[in-house]
Amino acid sequence: MLEPTGPLPPEIYWRRRVFAIGAVVVALAVVIWLVVTVTRGGGSPEATGAAASSTVTSEATASSAPSATKTTEKSASTSAAESSQPAPAASGQCADQSLAIKVSVAQPTYRAGEEPVFGIVITNISGEPCTRDMGSGLQRVSVQTLDGGRQLWASTDCYPDGEPDLRTLDRGEQAAFTVTWTGTTSQPECAGERVQVPSGAYHVVAQLGAVRSAPEPFNIAE
């Protein structure tokens, strides 16, 4: 069967067979080379390195952008909060650690549209008489959501200044004040629109310098 037959000379048929076999061998070699190249990852080391570098740079840029935004937002929030904090005690006046402050609510529940009334009592807890300016601009009363996650109003937002009220308290003596809230929101420097706070549970906190009261809960009903 291997002996070539036909009208042409036998050497022509042999040459054709050799050529066909050579073509098959070359094609097989190309297929094997492609398989090996794909298995090893393909591409040149330079191209692979460039692609990896591009991916890392993109990921780093994407991850750093939100971080910068969060930092800016946090800084703005911190600045707004610090700007509305009461001033520390003046030189020669009783220090914060000499005082205690307590806040109370005139009634546990108010109807929407009513104006809640808060009572503030500042006590000299030191062992000797103490003098401190307790003017309304130095006190700060704030209403927050019950979980403390959001502040809705502060007495110093729209009225940061007030007449001085210098009090000298003996040991254990108290000074009492009353603050009435309109029931609307506020922001530092009285920015933005003031709107009625919706019904719900809230708490109020009083502060003088760095001395803060415990939160006192109350409700606003429809």
N, C-alpha and C. Protein backbone atom coordinates (compact mmCIF):
# COMPACT_ATOMS: atom_id res chain seq x y z
N MET A 1 0.82 -1.21 0.00
CA MET A 1 0.00 0.00 0.00
C MET A 1 0.85 1.26 0.00
N LEU A 2 2.12 1.19 0.51
CA LEU A 2 2.97 2.36 0.57
C LEU A 2 3.56 2.70 -0.79
N GLU A 3 3.56 1.73 -1.75
CA GLU A 3 4.14 1.98 -3.05
C GLU A 3 3.22 2.90 -3.84
N PRO A 4 3.71 4.07 -4.25
CA PRO A 4 2.84 5.01 -4.97
C PRO A 4 2.45 4.45 -6.33
N THR A 5 1.18 4.70 -6.69
CA THR A 5 0.67 4.24 -7.99
C THR A 5 0.03 5.41 -8.69
N GLY A 6 0.04 5.39 -9.98
CA GLY A 6 -0.57 6.44 -10.78
C GLY A 6 0.19 6.65 -12.06
N PRO A 7 -0.30 7.57 -12.87
CA PRO A 7 0.31 7.79 -14.19
C PRO A 7 1.64 8.52 -14.12
N LEU A 8 1.89 9.22 -12.93
CA LEU A 8 3.12 9.99 -12.84
C LEU A 8 4.25 9.13 -12.30
N PRO A 9 5.47 9.61 -12.45
CA PRO A 9 6.62 8.85 -11.92
C PRO A 9 6.52 8.72 -10.40
N PRO A 10 7.00 7.64 -9.79
CA PRO A 10 6.89 7.41 -8.34
C PRO A 10 7.55 8.50 -7.53
N GLU A 11 8.64 9.11 -7.98
CA GLU A 11 9.32 10.11 -7.15
C GLU A 11 8.45 11.35 -6.91
N ILE A 12 7.54 11.64 -7.83
CA ILE A 12 6.65 12.80 -7.65
C ILE A 12 5.70 12.55 -6.49
N TYR A 13 5.17 11.29 -6.48
CA TYR A 13 4.26 10.96 -5.36
C TYR A 13 5.01 10.99 -4.04
N TRP A 14 6.23 10.53 -3.98
CA TRP A 14 7.01 10.56 -2.74
C TRP A 14 7.27 12.00 -2.28
N ARG A 15 7.55 12.87 -3.22
CA ARG A 15 7.78 14.26 -2.84
C ARG A 15 6.53 14.88 -2.22
N ARG A 16 5.35 14.55 -2.83
CA ARG A 16 4.10 15.08 -2.29
C ARG A 16 3.86 14.59 -0.85
N ARG A 17 4.15 13.30 -0.64
CA ARG A 17 3.96 12.75 0.71
C ARG A 17 4.89 13.43 1.73
N VAL A 18 6.13 13.63 1.34
CA VAL A 18 7.09 14.27 2.24
C VAL A 18 6.64 15.69 2.56
N PHE A 19 6.16 16.42 1.54
CA PHE A 19 5.70 17.79 1.76
C PHE A 19 4.51 17.84 2.72
N ALA A 20 3.57 16.92 2.51
CA ALA A 20 2.36 16.88 3.36
C ALA A 20 2.74 16.56 4.80
N ILE A 21 3.64 15.59 4.99
CA ILE A 21 4.07 15.22 6.35
C ILE A 21 4.77 16.40 7.01
N GLY A 22 5.64 17.12 6.25
CA GLY A 22 6.34 18.28 6.80
C GLY A 22 5.36 19.36 7.24
N ALA A 23 4.30 19.59 6.44
CA ALA A 23 3.31 20.61 6.80
C ALA A 23 2.58 20.25 8.08
N VAL A 24 2.27 18.95 8.22
CA VAL A 24 1.59 18.49 9.45
C VAL A 24 2.49 18.71 10.65
N VAL A 25 3.77 18.38 10.53
CA VAL A 25 4.71 18.55 11.64
C VAL A 25 4.81 20.01 12.05
N VAL A 26 4.93 20.92 11.05
CA VAL A 26 5.02 22.35 11.36
C VAL A 26 3.76 22.84 12.07
N ALA A 27 2.59 22.42 11.55
CA ALA A 27 1.33 22.84 12.17
C ALA A 27 1.23 22.34 13.60
N LEU A 28 1.66 21.09 13.82
CA LEU A 28 1.62 20.52 15.17
C LEU A 28 2.55 21.30 16.11
N ALA A 29 3.72 21.68 15.60
CA ALA A 29 4.67 22.44 16.42
C ALA A 29 4.08 23.79 16.82
N VAL A 30 3.39 24.44 15.87
CA VAL A 30 2.76 25.74 16.17
C VAL A 30 1.69 25.59 17.23
N VAL A 31 0.87 24.53 17.13
CA VAL A 31 -0.20 24.30 18.12
C VAL A 31 0.40 24.09 19.50
N ILE A 32 1.47 23.26 19.58
CA ILE A 32 2.13 22.99 20.87
C ILE A 32 2.70 24.28 21.46
N TRP A 33 3.29 25.13 20.64
CA TRP A 33 3.87 26.40 21.12
C TRP A 33 2.79 27.32 21.69
N LEU A 34 1.65 27.38 20.98
CA LEU A 34 0.54 28.22 21.46
C LEU A 34 0.01 27.72 22.80
N VAL A 35 -0.13 26.39 22.92
CA VAL A 35 -0.64 25.82 24.18
C VAL A 35 0.29 26.15 25.33
N VAL A 36 1.61 25.98 25.11
CA VAL A 36 2.59 26.26 26.16
C VAL A 36 2.57 27.74 26.53
N THR A 37 2.45 28.62 25.54
CA THR A 37 2.44 30.07 25.81
C THR A 37 1.23 30.47 26.64
N VAL A 38 0.05 29.96 26.28
CA VAL A 38 -1.17 30.28 27.02
C VAL A 38 -1.10 29.74 28.43
N THR A 39 -0.56 28.52 28.59
CA THR A 39 -0.46 27.89 29.91
C THR A 39 0.43 28.71 30.83
N ARG A 40 1.48 29.29 30.31
CA ARG A 40 2.42 30.09 31.12
C ARG A 40 1.93 31.52 31.37
N GLY A 41 0.78 31.89 30.82
CA GLY A 41 0.24 33.23 31.10
C GLY A 41 0.28 34.15 29.92
N GLY A 42 1.08 33.84 28.95
CA GLY A 42 1.14 34.63 27.73
C GLY A 42 1.68 36.02 27.95
N GLY A 43 2.04 36.69 26.88
CA GLY A 43 2.51 38.07 26.94
C GLY A 43 3.92 38.15 27.46
N SER A 44 4.56 39.25 27.20
CA SER A 44 5.92 39.46 27.65
C SER A 44 5.92 39.90 29.09
N PRO A 45 7.03 39.68 29.84
CA PRO A 45 7.11 40.14 31.22
C PRO A 45 6.87 41.63 31.35
N GLU A 46 7.34 42.43 30.34
CA GLU A 46 7.15 43.87 30.42
C GLU A 46 5.69 44.22 30.35
N ALA A 47 4.96 43.56 29.43
CA ALA A 47 3.53 43.86 29.29
C ALA A 47 2.77 43.46 30.53
N THR A 48 3.12 42.27 31.08
CA THR A 48 2.45 41.80 32.29
C THR A 48 2.69 42.75 33.44
N GLY A 49 3.93 43.20 33.61
CA GLY A 49 4.27 44.13 34.69
C GLY A 49 3.53 45.44 34.53
N ALA A 50 3.43 45.95 33.30
CA ALA A 50 2.74 47.22 33.07
C ALA A 50 1.28 47.10 33.41
N ALA A 51 0.66 45.96 33.03
CA ALA A 51 -0.75 45.77 33.33
C ALA A 51 -0.99 45.72 34.82
N ALA A 52 -0.13 45.00 35.55
CA ALA A 52 -0.27 44.91 37.01
C ALA A 52 -0.11 46.27 37.65
N SER A 53 0.87 47.05 37.18
CA SER A 53 1.09 48.38 37.73
C SER A 53 -0.11 49.27 37.51
N SER A 54 -0.72 49.19 36.33
CA SER A 54 -1.89 50.00 36.03
C SER A 54 -3.05 49.64 36.94
N THR A 55 -3.24 48.33 37.20
CA THR A 55 -4.33 47.89 38.07
C THR A 55 -4.15 48.40 39.48
N VAL A 56 -2.95 48.28 40.03
CA VAL A 56 -2.68 48.72 41.40
C VAL A 56 -2.89 50.22 41.54
N THR A 57 -2.42 50.99 40.55
CA THR A 57 -2.58 52.44 40.60
C THR A 57 -4.05 52.83 40.60
N SER A 58 -4.84 52.18 39.76
CA SER A 58 -6.26 52.50 39.70
C SER A 58 -6.95 52.19 41.01
N GLU A 59 -6.63 51.03 41.60
CA GLU A 59 -7.26 50.64 42.86
C GLU A 59 -6.87 51.61 43.96
N ALA A 60 -5.59 52.02 43.98
CA ALA A 60 -5.13 52.92 45.02
C ALA A 60 -5.82 54.27 44.89
N THR A 61 -5.98 54.76 43.66
CA THR A 61 -6.64 56.04 43.45
C THR A 61 -8.09 55.97 43.87
N ALA A 62 -8.77 54.86 43.51
CA ALA A 62 -10.18 54.72 43.86
C ALA A 62 -10.38 54.64 45.35
N SER A 63 -9.48 53.94 46.05
CA SER A 63 -9.66 53.78 47.49
C SER A 63 -9.28 55.03 48.25
N SER A 64 -8.38 55.86 47.72
CA SER A 64 -7.95 57.04 48.45
C SER A 64 -8.93 58.19 48.31
N ALA A 65 -9.70 58.26 47.24
CA ALA A 65 -10.61 59.38 47.04
C ALA A 65 -11.69 59.45 48.11
N PRO A 66 -12.43 58.32 48.43
CA PRO A 66 -13.43 58.40 49.47
C PRO A 66 -12.83 58.77 50.81
N SER A 67 -11.62 58.30 51.08
CA SER A 67 -10.99 58.60 52.36
C SER A 67 -10.78 60.09 52.52
N ALA A 68 -10.34 60.76 51.45
CA ALA A 68 -10.13 62.20 51.51
C ALA A 68 -11.45 62.92 51.74
N THR A 69 -12.53 62.44 51.09
CA THR A 69 -13.84 63.06 51.27
C THR A 69 -14.30 62.95 52.70
N LYS A 70 -14.14 61.74 53.28
CA LYS A 70 -14.56 61.52 54.66
C LYS A 70 -13.80 62.43 55.60
N THR A 71 -12.50 62.60 55.35
CA THR A 71 -11.70 63.46 56.22
C THR A 71 -12.19 64.89 56.17
N THR A 72 -12.52 65.38 54.96
CA THR A 72 -13.01 66.74 54.81
C THR A 72 -14.33 66.92 55.52
N GLU A 73 -15.25 65.93 55.34
CA GLU A 73 -16.55 66.03 55.99
C GLU A 73 -16.40 66.01 57.49
N LYS A 74 -15.53 65.15 58.00
CA LYS A 74 -15.33 65.06 59.43
C LYS A 74 -14.76 66.36 59.99
N SER A 75 -13.80 66.97 59.27
CA SER A 75 -13.20 68.22 59.72
C SER A 75 -14.24 69.32 59.78
N ALA A 76 -15.12 69.40 58.76
CA ALA A 76 -16.15 70.42 58.73
C ALA A 76 -17.11 70.24 59.88
N SER A 77 -17.50 68.97 60.14
CA SER A 77 -18.40 68.69 61.24
C SER A 77 -17.78 69.05 62.57
N THR A 78 -16.50 68.72 62.75
CA THR A 78 -15.81 69.02 64.01
C THR A 78 -15.70 70.52 64.22
N SER A 79 -15.41 71.28 63.16
CA SER A 79 -15.29 72.72 63.29
C SER A 79 -16.61 73.35 63.70
N ALA A 80 -17.71 72.87 63.10
CA ALA A 80 -19.03 73.41 63.43
C ALA A 80 -19.37 73.14 64.88
N ALA A 81 -19.05 71.92 65.37
CA ALA A 81 -19.34 71.58 66.75
C ALA A 81 -18.50 72.40 67.71
N GLU A 82 -17.21 72.57 67.38
CA GLU A 82 -16.33 73.32 68.26
C GLU A 82 -16.73 74.80 68.32
N SER A 83 -17.22 75.34 67.22
CA SER A 83 -17.57 76.75 67.19
C SER A 83 -18.76 77.07 68.09
N SER A 84 -19.60 76.05 68.41
CA SER A 84 -20.78 76.30 69.22
C SER A 84 -20.58 75.88 70.67
N GLN A 85 -19.38 75.46 71.05
CA GLN A 85 -19.12 75.05 72.42
C GLN A 85 -18.97 76.27 73.33
N PRO A 86 -19.44 76.17 74.61
CA PRO A 86 -19.27 77.27 75.55
C PRO A 86 -17.80 77.57 75.81
N ALA A 87 -17.51 78.82 76.12
CA ALA A 87 -16.13 79.22 76.41
C ALA A 87 -15.69 78.68 77.76
N PRO A 88 -14.40 78.39 77.92
CA PRO A 88 -13.89 77.91 79.21
C PRO A 88 -13.94 79.02 80.25
N ALA A 89 -13.68 78.66 81.48
CA ALA A 89 -13.72 79.64 82.57
C ALA A 89 -12.64 80.69 82.37
N ALA A 90 -12.98 81.95 82.69
CA ALA A 90 -12.00 83.03 82.60
C ALA A 90 -10.99 82.90 83.73
N SER A 91 -9.85 83.54 83.55
CA SER A 91 -8.80 83.47 84.56
C SER A 91 -9.31 84.03 85.90
N GLY A 92 -9.05 83.28 86.97
CA GLY A 92 -9.47 83.71 88.29
C GLY A 92 -10.85 83.24 88.69
N GLN A 93 -11.62 82.69 87.75
CA GLN A 93 -12.94 82.17 88.08
C GLN A 93 -12.87 80.69 88.44
N CYS A 94 -13.93 80.19 89.07
CA CYS A 94 -13.87 78.79 89.51
C CYS A 94 -13.77 77.85 88.31
N ALA A 95 -12.96 76.83 88.46
CA ALA A 95 -12.68 75.89 87.38
C ALA A 95 -13.88 74.99 87.13
N ASP A 96 -13.87 74.37 85.96
CA ASP A 96 -14.97 73.47 85.61
C ASP A 96 -15.16 72.36 86.63
N GLN A 97 -14.06 71.83 87.15
CA GLN A 97 -14.17 70.71 88.09
C GLN A 97 -14.77 71.13 89.43
N SER A 98 -14.95 72.43 89.65
CA SER A 98 -15.58 72.90 90.88
C SER A 98 -17.10 72.94 90.76
N LEU A 99 -17.62 72.66 89.58
CA LEU A 99 -19.05 72.81 89.33
C LEU A 99 -19.69 71.51 88.85
N ALA A 100 -20.99 71.42 89.10
CA ALA A 100 -21.81 70.34 88.55
C ALA A 100 -23.04 70.99 87.94
N ILE A 101 -23.57 70.39 86.87
CA ILE A 101 -24.73 70.98 86.19
C ILE A 101 -25.77 69.90 85.96
N LYS A 102 -27.02 70.29 86.15
CA LYS A 102 -28.14 69.36 85.97
C LYS A 102 -29.22 70.05 85.16
N VAL A 103 -29.87 69.29 84.25
CA VAL A 103 -30.95 69.84 83.45
C VAL A 103 -32.23 69.04 83.72
N SER A 104 -33.35 69.72 83.69
CA SER A 104 -34.64 69.06 83.89
C SER A 104 -35.63 69.59 82.86
N VAL A 105 -36.73 68.87 82.67
CA VAL A 105 -37.77 69.27 81.74
C VAL A 105 -39.04 69.53 82.54
N ALA A 106 -39.72 70.64 82.26
CA ALA A 106 -40.89 71.03 83.05
C ALA A 106 -41.99 69.98 83.02
N GLN A 107 -42.15 69.29 81.90
CA GLN A 107 -43.13 68.20 81.81
C GLN A 107 -42.58 67.15 80.85
N PRO A 108 -42.97 65.87 81.05
CA PRO A 108 -42.37 64.79 80.24
C PRO A 108 -42.79 64.79 78.78
N THR A 109 -43.97 65.33 78.47
CA THR A 109 -44.47 65.30 77.10
C THR A 109 -45.04 66.66 76.71
N TYR A 110 -44.72 67.08 75.49
CA TYR A 110 -45.26 68.32 74.94
C TYR A 110 -45.97 68.00 73.63
N ARG A 111 -47.01 68.78 73.33
CA ARG A 111 -47.67 68.66 72.05
C ARG A 111 -46.87 69.40 70.98
N ALA A 112 -46.96 68.93 69.75
CA ALA A 112 -46.27 69.62 68.65
C ALA A 112 -46.76 71.06 68.59
N GLY A 113 -45.83 71.99 68.51
CA GLY A 113 -46.17 73.41 68.50
C GLY A 113 -46.01 74.07 69.85
N GLU A 114 -46.00 73.28 70.94
CA GLU A 114 -45.75 73.83 72.26
C GLU A 114 -44.25 74.10 72.43
N GLU A 115 -43.92 74.93 73.40
CA GLU A 115 -42.53 75.30 73.64
C GLU A 115 -42.04 74.65 74.94
N PRO A 116 -41.19 73.62 74.83
CA PRO A 116 -40.67 72.97 76.03
C PRO A 116 -39.85 73.93 76.89
N VAL A 117 -39.94 73.75 78.21
CA VAL A 117 -39.21 74.59 79.16
C VAL A 117 -38.21 73.71 79.90
N PHE A 118 -36.95 74.13 79.88
CA PHE A 118 -35.88 73.39 80.53
C PHE A 118 -35.34 74.17 81.72
N GLY A 119 -35.08 73.46 82.80
CA GLY A 119 -34.48 74.08 83.97
C GLY A 119 -33.02 73.66 84.11
N ILE A 120 -32.13 74.60 84.40
CA ILE A 120 -30.70 74.32 84.57
C ILE A 120 -30.30 74.74 85.97
N VAL A 121 -29.63 73.83 86.67
CA VAL A 121 -29.13 74.11 88.02
C VAL A 121 -27.63 73.87 88.03
N ILE A 122 -26.86 74.88 88.42
CA ILE A 122 -25.40 74.77 88.51
C ILE A 122 -25.03 74.82 89.99
N THR A 123 -24.25 73.85 90.44
CA THR A 123 -23.92 73.70 91.86
C THR A 123 -22.41 73.81 92.07
N ASN A 124 -22.03 74.54 93.11
CA ASN A 124 -20.62 74.61 93.51
C ASN A 124 -20.32 73.37 94.34
N ILE A 125 -19.55 72.46 93.79
CA ILE A 125 -19.23 71.22 94.51
C ILE A 125 -17.83 71.26 95.12
N SER A 126 -17.19 72.42 95.08
CA SER A 126 -15.86 72.53 95.68
C SER A 126 -16.00 72.80 97.18
N GLY A 127 -14.90 72.89 97.86
CA GLY A 127 -14.92 73.08 99.31
C GLY A 127 -14.85 74.52 99.75
N GLU A 128 -14.98 75.48 98.82
CA GLU A 128 -14.88 76.89 99.17
C GLU A 128 -15.72 77.72 98.22
N PRO A 129 -16.01 78.99 98.57
CA PRO A 129 -16.80 79.85 97.67
C PRO A 129 -16.15 79.96 96.29
N CYS A 130 -17.00 80.14 95.30
CA CYS A 130 -16.51 80.10 93.92
C CYS A 130 -17.29 81.11 93.09
N THR A 131 -16.58 81.83 92.24
CA THR A 131 -17.21 82.84 91.38
C THR A 131 -17.07 82.43 89.91
N ARG A 132 -18.19 82.54 89.16
CA ARG A 132 -18.15 82.14 87.75
C ARG A 132 -19.18 82.94 86.95
N ASP A 133 -18.78 83.36 85.77
CA ASP A 133 -19.73 84.01 84.86
C ASP A 133 -20.62 82.93 84.25
N MET A 134 -21.92 83.02 84.50
CA MET A 134 -22.87 82.02 84.01
C MET A 134 -23.87 82.64 83.05
N GLY A 135 -23.44 83.66 82.31
CA GLY A 135 -24.32 84.33 81.36
C GLY A 135 -24.85 83.36 80.31
N SER A 136 -25.97 83.73 79.68
CA SER A 136 -26.64 82.84 78.72
C SER A 136 -25.76 82.50 77.53
N GLY A 137 -24.83 83.39 77.18
CA GLY A 137 -23.94 83.08 76.07
C GLY A 137 -22.88 82.05 76.41
N LEU A 138 -22.68 81.81 77.71
CA LEU A 138 -21.69 80.83 78.15
C LEU A 138 -22.31 79.49 78.48
N GLN A 139 -23.63 79.49 78.72
CA GLN A 139 -24.34 78.23 78.90
C GLN A 139 -24.76 77.70 77.53
N ARG A 140 -24.88 76.40 77.44
CA ARG A 140 -25.32 75.80 76.17
C ARG A 140 -26.30 74.68 76.48
N VAL A 141 -27.52 74.80 75.97
CA VAL A 141 -28.55 73.78 76.13
C VAL A 141 -28.85 73.23 74.74
N SER A 142 -28.81 71.92 74.60
CA SER A 142 -29.02 71.31 73.28
C SER A 142 -30.03 70.19 73.35
N VAL A 143 -30.81 70.05 72.28
CA VAL A 143 -31.78 68.96 72.13
C VAL A 143 -31.24 68.00 71.08
N GLN A 144 -31.24 66.72 71.43
CA GLN A 144 -30.70 65.70 70.53
C GLN A 144 -31.69 64.55 70.40
N THR A 145 -31.48 63.73 69.36
CA THR A 145 -32.27 62.51 69.25
C THR A 145 -31.98 61.64 70.47
N LEU A 146 -32.90 60.73 70.77
CA LEU A 146 -32.79 59.98 72.02
C LEU A 146 -31.50 59.17 72.10
N ASP A 147 -30.99 58.72 70.96
CA ASP A 147 -29.74 57.95 70.96
C ASP A 147 -28.51 58.85 70.95
N GLY A 148 -28.70 60.17 70.90
CA GLY A 148 -27.57 61.10 70.90
C GLY A 148 -26.86 61.20 69.58
N GLY A 149 -27.38 60.57 68.53
CA GLY A 149 -26.69 60.55 67.25
C GLY A 149 -26.84 61.82 66.43
N ARG A 150 -27.82 62.64 66.77
CA ARG A 150 -28.05 63.84 65.97
C ARG A 150 -28.51 64.99 66.86
N GLN A 151 -27.88 66.13 66.73
CA GLN A 151 -28.30 67.32 67.46
C GLN A 151 -29.28 68.12 66.62
N LEU A 152 -30.40 68.49 67.22
CA LEU A 152 -31.44 69.20 66.50
C LEU A 152 -31.45 70.70 66.79
N TRP A 153 -31.04 71.08 67.99
CA TRP A 153 -31.09 72.49 68.37
C TRP A 153 -30.09 72.75 69.49
N ALA A 154 -29.55 73.97 69.52
CA ALA A 154 -28.69 74.40 70.62
C ALA A 154 -28.98 75.87 70.90
N SER A 155 -28.98 76.23 72.16
CA SER A 155 -29.33 77.60 72.55
C SER A 155 -28.33 78.63 72.04
N THR A 156 -27.10 78.22 71.77
CA THR A 156 -26.07 79.16 71.31
C THR A 156 -25.98 79.26 69.79
N ASP A 157 -26.78 78.47 69.06
CA ASP A 157 -26.71 78.53 67.59
C ASP A 157 -27.11 79.91 67.07
N CYS A 158 -28.26 80.40 67.51
CA CYS A 158 -28.77 81.69 67.02
C CYS A 158 -28.55 82.83 68.01
N TYR A 159 -28.22 82.49 69.25
CA TYR A 159 -27.99 83.52 70.27
C TYR A 159 -26.68 83.22 71.00
N PRO A 160 -25.55 83.38 70.32
CA PRO A 160 -24.26 83.03 70.93
C PRO A 160 -23.80 84.02 72.00
N ASP A 161 -24.36 85.22 71.98
CA ASP A 161 -23.94 86.24 72.95
C ASP A 161 -25.01 86.44 74.02
N GLY A 162 -24.59 86.95 75.14
CA GLY A 162 -25.53 87.23 76.22
C GLY A 162 -24.88 88.13 77.25
N GLU A 163 -25.72 88.72 78.08
CA GLU A 163 -25.21 89.60 79.13
C GLU A 163 -24.43 88.79 80.16
N PRO A 164 -23.32 89.30 80.67
CA PRO A 164 -22.58 88.60 81.73
C PRO A 164 -23.47 88.40 82.97
N ASP A 165 -23.29 87.31 83.63
CA ASP A 165 -24.05 87.00 84.85
C ASP A 165 -23.08 86.36 85.85
N LEU A 166 -22.32 87.19 86.53
CA LEU A 166 -21.28 86.71 87.44
C LEU A 166 -21.93 86.29 88.76
N ARG A 167 -21.75 85.03 89.12
CA ARG A 167 -22.34 84.50 90.35
C ARG A 167 -21.23 84.01 91.28
N THR A 168 -21.38 84.33 92.57
CA THR A 168 -20.49 83.79 93.59
C THR A 168 -21.29 82.80 94.41
N LEU A 169 -20.88 81.54 94.39
CA LEU A 169 -21.60 80.47 95.08
C LEU A 169 -20.77 79.97 96.25
N ASP A 170 -21.42 79.88 97.40
CA ASP A 170 -20.77 79.24 98.54
C ASP A 170 -20.69 77.74 98.30
N ARG A 171 -19.98 77.08 99.18
CA ARG A 171 -19.87 75.63 99.08
C ARG A 171 -21.26 74.99 99.09
N GLY A 172 -21.58 74.22 98.03
CA GLY A 172 -22.86 73.55 97.93
C GLY A 172 -23.99 74.43 97.44
N GLU A 173 -23.77 75.72 97.22
CA GLU A 173 -24.84 76.61 96.77
C GLU A 173 -25.13 76.39 95.29
N GLN A 174 -26.38 76.68 94.89
CA GLN A 174 -26.82 76.46 93.52
C GLN A 174 -27.29 77.75 92.86
N ALA A 175 -27.20 77.77 91.53
CA ALA A 175 -27.76 78.86 90.72
C ALA A 175 -28.70 78.22 89.71
N ALA A 176 -29.93 78.74 89.62
CA ALA A 176 -30.95 78.14 88.76
C ALA A 176 -31.28 79.06 87.59
N PHE A 177 -31.54 78.44 86.42
CA PHE A 177 -31.88 79.18 85.21
C PHE A 177 -32.99 78.44 84.46
N THR A 178 -33.69 79.16 83.63
CA THR A 178 -34.75 78.57 82.81
C THR A 178 -34.53 78.93 81.35
N VAL A 179 -34.67 77.94 80.48
CA VAL A 179 -34.53 78.14 79.03
C VAL A 179 -35.78 77.61 78.35
N THR A 180 -36.37 78.40 77.47
CA THR A 180 -37.54 77.98 76.70
C THR A 180 -37.15 77.73 75.25
N TRP A 181 -37.53 76.58 74.75
CA TRP A 181 -37.20 76.19 73.38
C TRP A 181 -38.44 76.34 72.50
N THR A 182 -38.27 76.91 71.32
CA THR A 182 -39.40 77.12 70.41
C THR A 182 -39.86 75.83 69.73
N GLY A 183 -39.06 74.77 69.85
CA GLY A 183 -39.44 73.50 69.22
C GLY A 183 -39.00 73.37 67.78
N THR A 184 -38.13 74.29 67.32
CA THR A 184 -37.64 74.24 65.95
C THR A 184 -36.15 73.90 65.93
N THR A 185 -35.68 73.45 64.78
CA THR A 185 -34.27 73.09 64.62
C THR A 185 -33.41 74.34 64.51
N SER A 186 -32.10 74.14 64.65
CA SER A 186 -31.14 75.23 64.44
C SER A 186 -29.79 74.66 64.08
N GLN A 187 -28.94 75.52 63.51
CA GLN A 187 -27.58 75.15 63.16
C GLN A 187 -26.63 76.24 63.65
N PRO A 188 -25.33 75.91 63.81
CA PRO A 188 -24.37 76.93 64.24
C PRO A 188 -24.45 78.18 63.37
N GLU A 189 -24.36 79.35 64.01
CA GLU A 189 -24.46 80.66 63.36
C GLU A 189 -25.84 80.87 62.73
N CYS A 190 -26.82 80.10 63.21
CA CYS A 190 -28.22 80.20 62.78
C CYS A 190 -28.36 80.00 61.27
N ALA A 191 -27.49 79.16 60.70
CA ALA A 191 -27.52 78.91 59.25
C ALA A 191 -28.69 77.99 58.89
N GLY A 192 -29.15 78.09 57.66
CA GLY A 192 -30.19 77.20 57.17
C GLY A 192 -31.58 77.55 57.68
N GLU A 193 -32.55 76.78 57.21
CA GLU A 193 -33.94 77.00 57.58
C GLU A 193 -34.25 76.32 58.91
N ARG A 194 -35.04 76.97 59.73
CA ARG A 194 -35.46 76.41 61.00
C ARG A 194 -36.85 75.80 60.82
N VAL A 195 -36.97 74.51 61.12
CA VAL A 195 -38.24 73.81 60.92
C VAL A 195 -38.70 73.17 62.22
N GLN A 196 -40.00 72.89 62.31
CA GLN A 196 -40.57 72.29 63.51
C GLN A 196 -40.05 70.86 63.66
N VAL A 197 -39.62 70.51 64.87
CA VAL A 197 -39.14 69.15 65.13
C VAL A 197 -40.35 68.20 65.15
N PRO A 198 -40.28 67.07 64.46
CA PRO A 198 -41.43 66.15 64.43
C PRO A 198 -41.64 65.46 65.77
N SER A 199 -42.79 64.84 65.91
CA SER A 199 -43.08 64.12 67.14
C SER A 199 -42.09 62.98 67.31
N GLY A 200 -41.79 62.64 68.57
CA GLY A 200 -40.83 61.58 68.84
C GLY A 200 -40.22 61.74 70.22
N ALA A 201 -39.25 60.89 70.52
CA ALA A 201 -38.56 60.93 71.81
C ALA A 201 -37.21 61.62 71.64
N TYR A 202 -36.88 62.52 72.57
CA TYR A 202 -35.65 63.29 72.50
C TYR A 202 -35.03 63.38 73.89
N HIS A 203 -33.83 63.96 73.95
CA HIS A 203 -33.28 64.31 75.25
C HIS A 203 -32.58 65.66 75.17
N VAL A 204 -32.44 66.29 76.33
CA VAL A 204 -31.82 67.61 76.42
C VAL A 204 -30.58 67.51 77.29
N VAL A 205 -29.55 68.27 76.94
CA VAL A 205 -28.28 68.29 77.67
C VAL A 205 -27.91 69.74 77.92
N ALA A 206 -27.43 70.04 79.13
CA ALA A 206 -26.95 71.38 79.47
C ALA A 206 -25.45 71.34 79.68
N GLN A 207 -24.79 72.47 79.38
CA GLN A 207 -23.33 72.52 79.47
C GLN A 207 -22.87 73.92 79.84
N LEU A 208 -21.84 73.98 80.67
CA LEU A 208 -21.16 75.23 81.00
C LEU A 208 -19.67 74.94 80.96
N GLY A 209 -18.95 75.57 80.04
CA GLY A 209 -17.55 75.20 79.84
C GLY A 209 -17.47 73.75 79.41
N ALA A 210 -16.64 72.98 80.12
CA ALA A 210 -16.50 71.55 79.81
C ALA A 210 -17.40 70.69 80.68
N VAL A 211 -18.22 71.31 81.54
CA VAL A 211 -19.09 70.56 82.44
C VAL A 211 -20.41 70.29 81.73
N ARG A 212 -20.77 69.01 81.61
CA ARG A 212 -22.00 68.60 80.93
C ARG A 212 -22.92 67.88 81.90
N SER A 213 -24.20 68.08 81.69
CA SER A 213 -25.19 67.38 82.50
C SER A 213 -25.46 66.00 81.92
N ALA A 214 -26.13 65.17 82.69
CA ALA A 214 -26.64 63.91 82.15
C ALA A 214 -27.83 64.24 81.22
N PRO A 215 -28.05 63.46 80.18
CA PRO A 215 -29.18 63.74 79.28
C PRO A 215 -30.52 63.49 79.98
N GLU A 216 -31.48 64.37 79.74
CA GLU A 216 -32.82 64.23 80.32
C GLU A 216 -33.83 64.00 79.20
N PRO A 217 -34.54 62.85 79.21
CA PRO A 217 -35.45 62.54 78.10
C PRO A 217 -36.78 63.27 78.22
N PHE A 218 -37.43 63.47 77.08
CA PHE A 218 -38.79 64.00 77.02
C PHE A 218 -39.37 63.63 75.67
N ASN A 219 -40.67 63.88 75.50
CA ASN A 219 -41.36 63.49 74.26
C ASN A 219 -42.09 64.67 73.64
N ILE A 220 -42.23 64.60 72.33
CA ILE A 220 -43.09 65.53 71.59
C ILE A 220 -44.14 64.68 70.91
N ALA A 221 -45.40 64.94 71.23
CA ALA A 221 -46.52 64.15 70.69
C ALA A 221 -47.27 64.97 69.65
N GLU A 222 -47.95 64.28 68.76
CA GLU A 222 -48.74 64.95 67.72
C GLU A 222 -49.97 65.59 68.34
